[in-house]
């Protein structure tokens, strides 16, 4: 989910900005030729040019990440040779785990380009492509168990690091709840695809109380495409006929891997 702040330039060409993830973003506008539709007082209704008003949009931003819980599947702990053999080997989150299970991510740089149009004075839509810098998600968890080798205690530290690159393509539709003017609230919906590639590094370090230790390392990489959808609610505040500031909130609804 995300908060957005951006400006719009209206006319026969419009250059603005677009969203990404959990962010407050500065917008970059590219002026374009605009017909003279006359001066408009603020707060007055900003006139909508006749015909098919289209626009370009671009933005730069920064995405913030928060801690979240995580789980892993497939790894078995306490199943190796003595002294790292447990009476009952266990999986992640089992009885042997005593701490951890939180994942922390780095912030990411965000950039978006898009093309859109006003279909009616209150209905517009655009296509956007979202690019994001590599994001690292790191997690750690600890475990402890009694070995079968008679009184030996094994303490372990599990570290996972996932580096993710992705690009998001969305078709967005927005409906102005009031005629466009100084204060124009709107709602929107988006549907599209997310392409991602992820590289995972897994390290399991186990130390026995008899002085022995072992480290298990695994690296894996995968790619995929997911369906994605979102809802948006926000408002625009008109500076004049050509410039507006937009503040909105966008929440992801669902995503499902399709490859």
Protein backbone atom coordinates (compact mmCIF):
# COMPACT_ATOMS: atom_id res chain seq x y z
CA UNK A 1 0.00 0.00 0.00
CA UNK A 2 1.18 3.54 -0.54
CA UNK A 3 0.66 7.26 -0.15
CA UNK A 4 1.31 9.45 -3.18
CA UNK A 5 1.85 13.15 -3.78
CA UNK A 6 2.22 14.50 -7.30
CA UNK A 7 1.39 17.35 -9.65
CA UNK A 8 -0.51 17.36 -12.97
CA UNK A 9 -0.19 19.56 -16.04
CA UNK A 10 -3.41 19.68 -18.08
CA UNK A 11 -3.99 20.57 -21.72
CA UNK A 12 -3.56 18.78 -25.03
CA UNK A 13 -0.51 17.21 -23.40
CA UNK A 14 -0.25 16.34 -19.71
CA UNK A 15 2.86 15.13 -17.94
CA UNK A 16 2.49 13.87 -14.41
CA UNK A 17 3.51 11.09 -12.15
CA UNK A 18 2.41 7.74 -10.88
CA UNK A 19 2.63 5.40 -7.87
CA UNK A 20 4.71 2.51 -6.65
CA UNK A 21 4.86 1.08 -3.05
CA UNK A 22 4.54 2.69 0.41
CA UNK A 23 5.88 6.06 -0.53
CA UNK A 24 5.66 9.82 -0.68
CA UNK A 25 7.12 10.92 -4.00
CA UNK A 26 8.48 14.02 -5.70
CA UNK A 27 7.19 14.47 -9.23
CA UNK A 28 9.00 15.61 -12.36
CA UNK A 29 6.92 17.52 -14.93
CA UNK A 30 7.80 18.09 -18.60
CA UNK A 31 6.03 21.16 -20.03
CA UNK A 32 4.23 20.73 -23.35
CA UNK A 33 2.29 23.06 -25.71
CA UNK A 34 -1.11 23.89 -24.24
CA UNK A 35 -3.95 25.70 -26.04
CA UNK A 36 -5.19 28.91 -24.47
CA UNK A 37 -8.49 28.15 -22.74
CA UNK A 38 -8.65 31.39 -20.84
CA UNK A 39 -7.83 32.34 -17.28
CA UNK A 40 -9.58 30.42 -14.53
CA UNK A 41 -10.05 31.73 -11.01
CA UNK A 42 -9.21 29.42 -8.12
CA UNK A 43 -11.22 27.98 -6.49
CA UNK A 44 -13.25 27.76 -9.70
CA UNK A 45 -13.98 24.84 -11.96
CA UNK A 46 -11.00 24.05 -14.18
CA UNK A 47 -12.38 23.72 -17.74
CA UNK A 48 -11.84 20.45 -19.57
CA UNK A 49 -10.69 20.86 -23.18
CA UNK A 50 -13.01 19.42 -25.79
CA UNK A 51 -12.12 16.17 -27.46
CA UNK A 52 -9.67 13.47 -26.50
CA UNK A 53 -7.34 15.05 -23.95
CA UNK A 54 -4.27 12.90 -23.51
CA UNK A 55 -1.21 13.09 -21.33
CA UNK A 56 2.17 11.65 -20.46
CA UNK A 57 3.29 11.04 -16.91
CA UNK A 58 6.59 10.36 -15.14
CA UNK A 59 7.72 10.19 -11.53
CA UNK A 60 10.59 9.43 -9.20
CA UNK A 61 10.16 8.10 -5.69
CA UNK A 62 11.39 6.10 -2.75
CA UNK A 63 9.66 3.08 -1.25
CA UNK A 64 9.89 2.35 2.47
CA UNK A 65 9.84 -1.14 3.93
CA UNK A 66 8.65 -2.41 7.31
CA UNK A 67 9.40 -5.58 9.28
CA UNK A 68 7.14 -8.55 8.70
CA UNK A 69 6.95 -12.17 9.76
CA UNK A 70 8.21 -14.90 7.44
CA UNK A 71 8.34 -18.67 7.09
CA UNK A 72 10.48 -21.10 5.13
CA UNK A 73 9.65 -24.57 3.86
CA UNK A 74 11.79 -27.63 3.13
CA UNK A 75 14.70 -27.26 5.57
CA UNK A 76 15.09 -29.93 8.28
CA UNK A 77 17.09 -29.17 11.43
CA UNK A 78 18.73 -31.72 13.69
CA UNK A 79 18.89 -34.35 10.94
CA UNK A 80 22.67 -34.44 10.32
CA UNK A 81 25.35 -36.72 11.71
CA UNK A 82 26.39 -36.55 15.37
CA UNK A 83 26.69 -34.25 17.21
CA UNK A 84 24.12 -32.45 15.03
CA UNK A 85 21.51 -35.22 15.22
CA UNK A 86 18.40 -34.43 17.26
CA UNK A 87 16.14 -37.05 18.82
CA UNK A 88 13.30 -35.58 16.75
CA UNK A 89 14.44 -33.49 13.73
CA UNK A 90 12.18 -30.46 13.16
CA UNK A 91 11.26 -27.92 10.53
CA UNK A 92 11.28 -24.12 10.63
CA UNK A 93 9.15 -22.81 13.47
CA UNK A 94 9.23 -26.17 15.26
CA UNK A 95 9.85 -26.81 18.95
CA UNK A 96 13.59 -26.13 18.59
CA UNK A 97 13.20 -22.54 17.42
CA UNK A 98 13.49 -20.04 20.23
CA UNK A 99 13.60 -16.66 18.46
CA UNK A 100 13.47 -14.74 15.19
CA UNK A 101 11.05 -15.09 12.34
CA UNK A 102 11.01 -11.43 11.31
CA UNK A 103 12.09 -10.16 7.90
CA UNK A 104 13.39 -6.63 7.31
CA UNK A 105 13.61 -5.02 3.89
CA UNK A 106 15.62 -2.14 2.46
CA UNK A 107 14.06 0.90 0.83
CA UNK A 108 13.87 0.96 -2.96
CA UNK A 109 14.16 3.64 -5.64
CA UNK A 110 11.04 3.91 -7.79
CA UNK A 111 10.42 5.27 -11.25
CA UNK A 112 7.25 5.29 -13.36
CA UNK A 113 6.32 6.27 -16.88
CA UNK A 114 2.83 6.26 -18.33
CA UNK A 115 0.40 7.40 -21.00
CA UNK A 116 -3.24 8.32 -20.41
CA UNK A 117 -6.30 10.20 -21.57
CA UNK A 118 -9.56 11.76 -20.41
CA UNK A 119 -12.43 9.76 -21.89
CA UNK A 120 -15.04 12.12 -20.41
CA UNK A 121 -14.70 15.27 -18.25
CA UNK A 122 -14.72 13.04 -15.13
CA UNK A 123 -13.34 9.71 -16.33
CA UNK A 124 -9.69 9.14 -17.23
CA UNK A 125 -7.36 6.21 -17.56
CA UNK A 126 -3.70 5.48 -18.13
CA UNK A 127 -1.17 2.72 -18.63
CA UNK A 128 1.87 2.83 -16.36
CA UNK A 129 5.13 0.91 -16.11
CA UNK A 130 6.77 0.87 -12.69
CA UNK A 131 10.50 0.18 -12.32
CA UNK A 132 12.11 -0.52 -8.96
CA UNK A 133 15.71 -0.89 -7.87
CA UNK A 134 16.87 -4.14 -6.32
CA UNK A 135 15.31 -4.70 -2.90
CA UNK A 136 17.00 -6.82 -0.25
CA UNK A 137 14.89 -8.63 2.34
CA UNK A 138 16.82 -10.12 5.25
CA UNK A 139 15.67 -12.41 8.04
CA UNK A 140 17.20 -14.26 10.96
CA UNK A 141 15.98 -16.94 13.35
CA UNK A 142 17.66 -18.99 16.09
CA UNK A 143 17.14 -22.53 17.35
CA UNK A 144 18.48 -24.85 20.04
CA UNK A 145 18.15 -28.59 20.69
CA UNK A 146 19.72 -31.43 22.66
CA UNK A 147 21.89 -33.73 20.54
CA UNK A 148 21.69 -37.53 20.65
CA UNK A 149 25.38 -37.57 21.57
CA UNK A 150 24.69 -37.40 25.31
CA UNK A 151 24.28 -33.96 26.86
CA UNK A 152 25.55 -31.98 23.87
CA UNK A 153 23.51 -28.84 23.11
CA UNK A 154 23.37 -27.43 19.58
CA UNK A 155 22.60 -23.75 18.98
CA UNK A 156 21.92 -22.51 15.47
CA UNK A 157 21.43 -19.29 13.52
CA UNK A 158 19.46 -19.26 10.25
CA UNK A 159 19.95 -16.32 7.88
CA UNK A 160 17.96 -15.73 4.68
CA UNK A 161 18.61 -12.93 2.23
CA UNK A 162 16.45 -12.38 -0.85
CA UNK A 163 17.29 -9.79 -3.53
CA UNK A 164 14.29 -8.91 -5.69
CA UNK A 165 14.02 -6.93 -8.93
CA UNK A 166 10.61 -6.28 -10.43
CA UNK A 167 8.64 -4.26 -12.94
CA UNK A 168 4.92 -3.55 -12.69
CA UNK A 169 2.58 -2.88 -15.62
CA UNK A 170 -0.84 -1.50 -14.66
CA UNK A 171 -3.96 -0.32 -16.45
CA UNK A 172 -5.52 2.38 -14.24
CA UNK A 173 -8.97 3.97 -14.34
CA UNK A 174 -9.93 7.04 -12.25
CA UNK A 175 -13.33 8.66 -11.64
CA UNK A 176 -13.63 12.24 -10.37
CA UNK A 177 -16.35 12.37 -7.69
CA UNK A 178 -16.87 16.12 -8.32
CA UNK A 179 -16.42 18.24 -11.44
CA UNK A 180 -12.78 19.14 -11.81
CA UNK A 181 -12.00 22.26 -9.81
CA UNK A 182 -9.92 23.52 -6.91
CA UNK A 183 -10.79 20.42 -4.83
CA UNK A 184 -11.47 17.24 -6.81
CA UNK A 185 -11.68 13.93 -4.92
CA UNK A 186 -11.52 10.76 -6.98
CA UNK A 187 -11.35 6.98 -6.77
CA UNK A 188 -9.49 4.56 -9.00
CA UNK A 189 -8.86 0.91 -9.73
CA UNK A 190 -5.87 -0.85 -11.31
CA UNK A 191 -5.22 -4.25 -12.85
CA UNK A 192 -1.99 -5.56 -14.32
CA UNK A 193 1.08 -7.75 -14.02
CA UNK A 194 4.25 -7.91 -11.95
CA UNK A 195 7.42 -9.44 -13.39
CA UNK A 196 10.09 -10.33 -10.84
CA UNK A 197 13.39 -12.12 -10.47
CA UNK A 198 14.65 -13.14 -7.05
CA UNK A 199 17.99 -14.43 -5.77
CA UNK A 200 18.00 -16.19 -2.40
CA UNK A 201 21.01 -16.89 -0.15
CA UNK A 202 20.40 -19.25 2.79
CA UNK A 203 22.93 -19.86 5.59
CA UNK A 204 22.48 -22.23 8.53
CA UNK A 205 25.25 -22.02 11.14
CA UNK A 206 25.13 -24.63 13.92
CA UNK A 207 27.51 -24.76 16.90
CA UNK A 208 27.63 -27.68 19.34
CA UNK A 209 28.62 -27.30 23.00
CA UNK A 210 31.51 -29.78 22.44
CA UNK A 211 33.21 -27.18 20.20
CA UNK A 212 32.20 -28.55 16.79
CA UNK A 213 30.35 -26.41 14.23
CA UNK A 214 29.01 -26.63 10.71
CA UNK A 215 27.67 -24.22 8.09
CA UNK A 216 25.14 -25.02 5.36
CA UNK A 217 24.81 -22.56 2.48
CA UNK A 218 22.37 -22.54 -0.44
CA UNK A 219 21.88 -20.11 -3.34
CA UNK A 220 18.88 -20.14 -5.64
CA UNK A 221 17.37 -17.88 -8.29
CA UNK A 222 13.92 -17.73 -9.81
CA UNK A 223 11.71 -15.57 -12.02
CA UNK A 224 7.97 -15.26 -12.36
CA UNK A 225 4.94 -13.22 -13.34
CA UNK A 226 2.05 -12.41 -11.00
CA UNK A 227 -1.35 -10.83 -11.46
CA UNK A 228 -1.78 -7.64 -9.45
CA UNK A 229 -4.66 -5.29 -8.64
CA UNK A 230 -5.11 -2.17 -6.52
CA UNK A 231 -7.60 0.46 -5.37
CA UNK A 232 -6.80 4.16 -5.17
CA UNK A 233 -8.50 7.07 -3.40
CA UNK A 234 -7.26 10.64 -3.45
CA UNK A 235 -7.85 14.26 -4.28
CA UNK A 236 -6.35 16.94 -6.50
CA UNK A 237 -5.87 20.56 -5.44
CA UNK A 238 -5.68 23.04 -8.32
CA UNK A 239 -2.91 25.63 -8.28
CA UNK A 240 -4.17 27.10 -11.58
CA UNK A 241 -5.59 25.85 -14.89
CA UNK A 242 -2.44 23.92 -15.74
CA UNK A 243 -1.00 22.75 -12.43
CA UNK A 244 -2.50 20.58 -9.71
CA UNK A 245 -1.18 18.78 -6.65
CA UNK A 246 -2.49 15.26 -6.07
CA UNK A 247 -2.45 13.35 -2.77
CA UNK A 248 -3.74 9.79 -2.68
CA UNK A 249 -3.63 6.40 -1.01
CA UNK A 250 -3.21 3.17 -2.92
CA UNK A 251 -3.69 -0.36 -1.57
CA UNK A 252 -2.82 -3.64 -3.26
CA UNK A 253 -5.77 -6.05 -3.38
CA UNK A 254 -4.29 -9.34 -4.52
CA UNK A 255 -1.46 -10.97 -6.39
CA UNK A 256 -1.19 -14.55 -7.65
CA UNK A 257 1.76 -16.22 -9.37
CA UNK A 258 0.99 -17.41 -12.90
CA UNK A 259 4.41 -18.72 -13.90
